[in-house]
């Protein structure tokens, strides 16, 4: 993708270029990938996305390749171990939230629902196009991400505020903000 027009944040490093070119804003429908992105997005809170994305492989190792059933089975001992893992962000609340969220997704599966169907219902299963003026930054949150966060929380998800949810929505293509 030699002539790709990227926003300034995507030009910061080869890893960010790869993220923009192959992941960010492209509609995602794989349950494992959606769970991974939700997990990485919650780890980003208070940090830069570059910090998280450059540790992606470490997060994958730490969280069993984001296999929902394996993560849902994590115990307090697993959480304690991850709190000592210097290759990831060692925030107990965030680590515990990933485990809790895996259990919620597992519950969706047990009820016959995909995480894909659950997530995409918030945009009527169609990517929403975001149009920004030149150099206008992405909003931190929207009414849609606020509603999504409220529903996620009501359904048992943790660490899913409206800003995290909007970042997730743009990351997995529910909102298309690509230039």
Foldseek 3Di string as FASTA:
>chain_A
DVPDDAPPVLPPDPLSVCLQVPFFQAADQDLQVLLLLLLLLLLCVVHDSVLSSVLSVVVCVLQVNSPLVSLLPDDPVSLVVQLVDPSGPNDSQSSVLSNQVSVLQVVCVVVVHHVSVVLLVLLVVDAAEDDDDVPDDDDQFDPSLQVVLVVCVVSGHPSRHRSSSVSSCRRNNSYRDTD
